């Protein structure tokens, strides 16, 4: 077997391997190639710094890395790791990281990050063996909003960059796929809205994909509440999901639950210095 960068491997072969590796996973994986094109674009994936294990030319394991600054740290974010069932137990993930780390260091990367479902103990053990440490817990929500509230905030669509220049919460609350850079990478899919009260005071903003109901970012201003923002989102979409809400955002998590959404799964963020 040999390890090679994935830059010359067609996307459909990578996705085929990914789907086979993730059969029976905790959440179903989409099979649409367009989804993965956009997913990798948002994650700032660079296939030159993503690596595969090949057996007689067949891709049997992989690490797909996004490269960018994260909290001012040059970071390789593991967007997906998988190994075909017949090749598990061979230490392939360990070998891929042994190959990847010196090359990522040459790129200037100082940290590797990833997210893993809390119940995936096997994967967590592998990553900890390699050198990753759990840094925080992230909560994922989905569902339909309950009965509308009495308030009807004013909602105004606005260009992403205008909002992202504003002074809201620290970026540290957001995971890799929800940073400003991630939103701007696929800005054609997202729409951003400012929310105002009856006095025309700005209460906050949200960024959402209207076609999927996916909420990427949600922040309140001093005069706003999370309930106000969720009432505003209800005017745009009904069925929603919001992934990777930082465990420290207790007020937001409570508001999401009270609005009728379910905390369907949790993930750990894990980090390793290179």
Protein backbone atom coordinates (compact mmCIF):
# COMPACT_ATOMS: atom_id res chain seq x y z
CA UNK A 1 0.00 0.00 0.00
CA UNK A 2 1.12 3.58 -0.62
CA UNK A 3 0.09 7.06 0.54
CA UNK A 4 -0.40 9.88 -1.96
CA UNK A 5 -1.98 13.34 -2.00
CA UNK A 6 -5.54 13.31 -3.34
CA UNK A 7 -5.07 16.20 -5.79
CA UNK A 8 -5.07 13.85 -8.81
CA UNK A 9 -7.86 11.57 -7.58
CA UNK A 10 -11.28 12.28 -9.16
CA UNK A 11 -13.87 13.55 -6.73
CA UNK A 12 -16.30 10.74 -7.52
CA UNK A 13 -13.71 8.14 -6.42
CA UNK A 14 -13.13 10.01 -3.16
CA UNK A 15 -16.87 10.26 -2.52
CA UNK A 16 -17.40 6.58 -3.37
CA UNK A 17 -14.75 5.61 -0.83
CA UNK A 18 -16.24 8.00 1.72
CA UNK A 19 -19.73 6.58 1.32
CA UNK A 20 -18.46 3.01 1.67
CA UNK A 21 -16.39 3.93 4.72
CA UNK A 22 -19.34 5.66 6.40
CA UNK A 23 -21.99 2.98 5.80
CA UNK A 24 -23.97 2.52 9.01
CA UNK A 25 -22.56 5.74 10.49
CA UNK A 26 -24.37 7.71 13.18
CA UNK A 27 -25.79 10.08 10.56
CA UNK A 28 -26.46 9.33 6.86
CA UNK A 29 -24.01 10.74 4.32
CA UNK A 30 -25.33 12.47 1.15
CA UNK A 31 -24.34 10.79 -2.11
CA UNK A 32 -24.75 13.85 -4.34
CA UNK A 33 -21.41 15.00 -5.81
CA UNK A 34 -22.58 18.62 -5.88
CA UNK A 35 -23.14 18.49 -2.13
CA UNK A 36 -19.55 17.37 -1.58
CA UNK A 37 -18.18 20.00 -3.96
CA UNK A 38 -19.89 22.69 -1.89
CA UNK A 39 -19.02 20.98 1.38
CA UNK A 40 -15.32 20.89 0.53
CA UNK A 41 -15.44 24.46 -0.78
CA UNK A 42 -16.93 25.73 2.48
CA UNK A 43 -14.33 23.76 4.44
CA UNK A 44 -11.53 25.32 2.34
CA UNK A 45 -10.28 21.87 1.37
CA UNK A 46 -7.00 21.64 -0.49
CA UNK A 47 -6.58 18.20 -2.04
CA UNK A 48 -2.82 18.72 -2.35
CA UNK A 49 -2.74 18.55 1.46
CA UNK A 50 -5.35 15.79 1.73
CA UNK A 51 -4.04 12.25 1.65
CA UNK A 52 -5.18 8.77 0.65
CA UNK A 53 -3.99 5.23 1.29
CA UNK A 54 -4.03 3.22 -1.94
CA UNK A 55 -3.90 -0.54 -2.37
CA UNK A 56 -3.06 -1.52 -5.95
CA UNK A 57 -4.50 1.78 -7.13
CA UNK A 58 -7.69 1.54 -5.07
CA UNK A 59 -8.39 4.28 -2.52
CA UNK A 60 -8.99 2.48 0.79
CA UNK A 61 -8.53 5.26 3.36
CA UNK A 62 -8.27 9.04 3.42
CA UNK A 63 -7.89 12.28 5.35
CA UNK A 64 -9.43 15.36 3.70
CA UNK A 65 -7.96 18.59 5.03
CA UNK A 66 -9.17 22.15 4.88
CA UNK A 67 -6.39 24.71 5.30
CA UNK A 68 -6.94 28.16 6.77
CA UNK A 69 -6.33 30.30 9.85
CA UNK A 70 -8.57 29.41 12.77
CA UNK A 71 -8.45 31.66 15.84
CA UNK A 72 -5.30 33.14 14.27
CA UNK A 73 -3.65 29.71 14.14
CA UNK A 74 -2.61 28.17 10.78
CA UNK A 75 -4.78 25.05 10.86
CA UNK A 76 -5.45 21.85 8.96
CA UNK A 77 -9.06 20.87 9.63
CA UNK A 78 -9.91 17.22 9.09
CA UNK A 79 -13.14 17.52 7.10
CA UNK A 80 -13.43 13.75 6.84
CA UNK A 81 -11.46 10.60 7.65
CA UNK A 82 -12.52 7.16 6.52
CA UNK A 83 -11.21 3.63 6.01
CA UNK A 84 -12.93 0.88 4.05
CA UNK A 85 -14.27 -1.87 6.34
CA UNK A 86 -11.89 -4.58 5.08
CA UNK A 87 -8.88 -2.40 5.89
CA UNK A 88 -9.76 -1.38 9.41
CA UNK A 89 -7.45 -2.42 12.23
CA UNK A 90 -4.34 -1.83 10.10
CA UNK A 91 -3.41 1.53 11.59
CA UNK A 92 -4.18 3.37 8.36
CA UNK A 93 -5.27 6.61 10.05
CA UNK A 94 -2.07 6.63 12.12
CA UNK A 95 0.01 6.12 8.97
CA UNK A 96 -1.84 8.86 7.10
CA UNK A 97 -1.14 11.35 9.87
CA UNK A 98 2.51 10.26 10.09
CA UNK A 99 2.77 11.05 6.38
CA UNK A 100 0.71 14.26 6.56
CA UNK A 101 2.19 16.08 9.55
CA UNK A 102 5.66 16.92 8.15
CA UNK A 103 4.07 18.08 4.89
CA UNK A 104 1.55 20.22 6.77
CA UNK A 105 4.38 21.67 8.84
CA UNK A 106 6.15 22.65 5.60
CA UNK A 107 2.92 24.44 4.65
CA UNK A 108 3.15 26.38 7.91
CA UNK A 109 0.35 24.55 9.71
CA UNK A 110 0.71 24.64 13.50
CA UNK A 111 -2.51 22.89 14.55
CA UNK A 112 -4.67 20.01 13.33
CA UNK A 113 -8.36 20.04 14.24
CA UNK A 114 -11.34 17.77 13.74
CA UNK A 115 -14.84 17.07 15.01
CA UNK A 116 -16.08 13.65 16.04
CA UNK A 117 -19.46 12.43 17.25
CA UNK A 118 -19.39 11.90 21.01
CA UNK A 119 -20.63 8.30 20.75
CA UNK A 120 -17.90 7.36 18.24
CA UNK A 121 -15.58 6.00 20.90
CA UNK A 122 -13.48 3.97 18.46
CA UNK A 123 -12.57 7.04 16.42
CA UNK A 124 -11.96 9.12 19.57
CA UNK A 125 -9.51 6.49 20.85
CA UNK A 126 -7.65 6.51 17.52
CA UNK A 127 -7.36 10.30 17.48
CA UNK A 128 -6.22 10.42 21.10
CA UNK A 129 -3.57 7.80 20.32
CA UNK A 130 -2.31 9.98 17.49
CA UNK A 131 -2.10 13.00 19.80
CA UNK A 132 -5.44 14.85 19.58
CA UNK A 133 -7.07 16.22 22.72
CA UNK A 134 -10.73 17.09 23.32
CA UNK A 135 -11.15 20.86 23.65
CA UNK A 136 -14.92 21.41 23.71
CA UNK A 137 -18.34 19.89 23.14
CA UNK A 138 -20.62 21.09 20.34
CA UNK A 139 -24.40 20.58 20.16
CA UNK A 140 -26.43 20.00 16.98
CA UNK A 141 -30.13 20.93 16.75
CA UNK A 142 -32.89 20.34 14.23
CA UNK A 143 -36.66 20.42 13.95
CA UNK A 144 -39.64 22.68 13.37
CA UNK A 145 -40.39 25.82 15.31
CA UNK A 146 -43.26 25.58 17.76
CA UNK A 147 -46.17 28.00 18.07
CA UNK A 148 -45.17 31.51 16.86
CA UNK A 149 -44.60 34.11 19.57
CA UNK A 150 -46.49 37.37 19.95
CA UNK A 151 -43.57 39.44 18.62
CA UNK A 152 -42.96 39.96 14.92
CA UNK A 153 -39.48 41.49 14.56
CA UNK A 154 -38.60 43.34 11.38
CA UNK A 155 -36.26 41.43 9.09
CA UNK A 156 -34.02 43.01 6.47
CA UNK A 157 -31.84 41.06 4.06
CA UNK A 158 -28.28 42.39 3.87
CA UNK A 159 -24.97 41.51 2.22
CA UNK A 160 -22.80 39.10 4.21
CA UNK A 161 -19.71 41.26 4.38
CA UNK A 162 -21.65 44.16 5.92
CA UNK A 163 -22.74 41.99 8.84
CA UNK A 164 -19.47 40.15 9.24
CA UNK A 165 -17.64 43.44 9.72
CA UNK A 166 -19.82 44.18 12.73
CA UNK A 167 -18.86 43.71 16.36
CA UNK A 168 -20.87 40.81 17.65
CA UNK A 169 -19.73 37.75 19.60
CA UNK A 170 -16.17 36.51 19.58
CA UNK A 171 -15.39 34.21 16.64
CA UNK A 172 -14.14 31.69 19.16
CA UNK A 173 -17.74 30.48 19.61
CA UNK A 174 -17.87 29.25 16.01
CA UNK A 175 -16.58 25.96 14.65
CA UNK A 176 -14.64 25.54 11.40
CA UNK A 177 -17.68 25.36 9.12
CA UNK A 178 -19.30 28.47 10.60
CA UNK A 179 -16.50 31.02 10.58
CA UNK A 180 -16.73 34.19 8.52
CA UNK A 181 -14.41 32.58 5.99
CA UNK A 182 -16.68 29.55 5.64
CA UNK A 183 -19.76 31.70 5.00
CA UNK A 184 -17.97 33.81 2.40
CA UNK A 185 -16.57 30.72 0.65
CA UNK A 186 -20.11 29.63 -0.33
CA UNK A 187 -21.93 32.93 0.03
CA UNK A 188 -24.20 32.09 -2.90
CA UNK A 189 -25.92 29.47 -0.74
CA UNK A 190 -26.37 31.65 2.33
CA UNK A 191 -28.51 34.69 3.00
CA UNK A 192 -27.98 37.07 5.92
CA UNK A 193 -30.62 39.15 7.68
CA UNK A 194 -30.55 41.97 10.21
CA UNK A 195 -33.33 41.96 12.80
CA UNK A 196 -34.93 45.13 14.22
CA UNK A 197 -37.55 45.89 16.86
CA UNK A 198 -40.46 48.30 16.48
CA UNK A 199 -38.15 51.20 17.44
CA UNK A 200 -35.81 50.30 14.56
CA UNK A 201 -33.14 49.21 17.03
CA UNK A 202 -30.86 46.47 15.75
CA UNK A 203 -31.47 43.27 17.73
CA UNK A 204 -29.01 41.01 15.94
CA UNK A 205 -28.59 39.01 12.77
CA UNK A 206 -28.70 35.50 11.37
CA UNK A 207 -27.21 33.74 8.36
CA UNK A 208 -29.12 30.85 6.85
CA UNK A 209 -29.39 28.64 3.80
CA UNK A 210 -33.09 29.05 2.90
CA UNK A 211 -33.18 25.95 0.71
CA UNK A 212 -31.96 23.62 3.47
CA UNK A 213 -32.98 25.53 6.60
CA UNK A 214 -29.40 25.43 7.83
CA UNK A 215 -28.53 28.23 10.28
CA UNK A 216 -24.81 29.01 10.02
CA UNK A 217 -24.58 32.01 12.33
CA UNK A 218 -26.86 33.71 14.85
CA UNK A 219 -25.91 36.63 17.06
CA UNK A 220 -27.89 39.04 19.23
CA UNK A 221 -27.17 42.70 19.96
CA UNK A 222 -27.57 44.30 23.41
CA UNK A 223 -31.24 45.11 22.88
CA UNK A 224 -32.09 41.73 21.38
CA UNK A 225 -32.73 38.24 22.72
CA UNK A 226 -32.29 34.83 21.16
CA UNK A 227 -36.07 34.44 21.24
CA UNK A 228 -36.38 37.61 19.14
CA UNK A 229 -33.94 36.22 16.57
CA UNK A 230 -35.67 32.85 16.41
CA UNK A 231 -38.99 34.62 15.87
CA UNK A 232 -37.35 36.45 12.98
CA UNK A 233 -35.93 33.22 11.51
CA UNK A 234 -39.43 31.72 11.68
CA UNK A 235 -40.51 34.36 9.14
CA UNK A 236 -37.93 33.06 6.64
CA UNK A 237 -37.96 29.28 7.22
CA UNK A 238 -39.86 26.77 9.36
CA UNK A 239 -37.85 23.53 9.36
CA UNK A 240 -34.33 24.30 10.57
CA UNK A 241 -31.08 22.82 11.76
CA UNK A 242 -28.15 24.42 13.54
CA UNK A 243 -24.96 22.46 14.11
CA UNK A 244 -22.03 22.89 16.46
CA UNK A 245 -23.48 25.27 19.03
CA UNK A 246 -20.69 25.77 21.55
CA UNK A 247 -21.47 24.18 24.93
CA UNK A 248 -20.76 27.53 26.65
CA UNK A 249 -23.67 29.22 24.80
CA UNK A 250 -26.20 28.11 27.38
CA UNK A 251 -28.70 30.88 26.58
CA UNK A 252 -28.78 30.04 22.89
CA UNK A 253 -29.09 26.32 23.53
CA UNK A 254 -32.00 26.93 25.90
CA UNK A 255 -33.74 29.21 23.38
CA UNK A 256 -33.37 26.61 20.60
CA UNK A 257 -34.88 23.91 22.82
CA UNK A 258 -37.73 26.16 23.96
CA UNK A 259 -38.48 27.03 20.33
CA UNK A 260 -39.16 23.35 19.60
CA UNK A 261 -35.82 22.14 18.27
CA UNK A 262 -34.21 18.91 19.40
CA UNK A 263 -30.58 18.43 20.37
CA UNK A 264 -30.10 15.45 18.07
CA UNK A 265 -26.38 14.80 18.36
CA UNK A 266 -23.24 16.15 20.02
CA UNK A 267 -19.66 16.36 18.79
CA UNK A 268 -16.27 16.88 20.34
CA UNK A 269 -13.81 19.29 18.81
CA UNK A 270 -10.30 17.84 19.05
CA UNK A 271 -6.98 19.61 18.52
CA UNK A 272 -3.37 18.54 18.07
CA UNK A 273 -0.32 20.76 17.78
CA UNK A 274 1.92 19.78 14.90
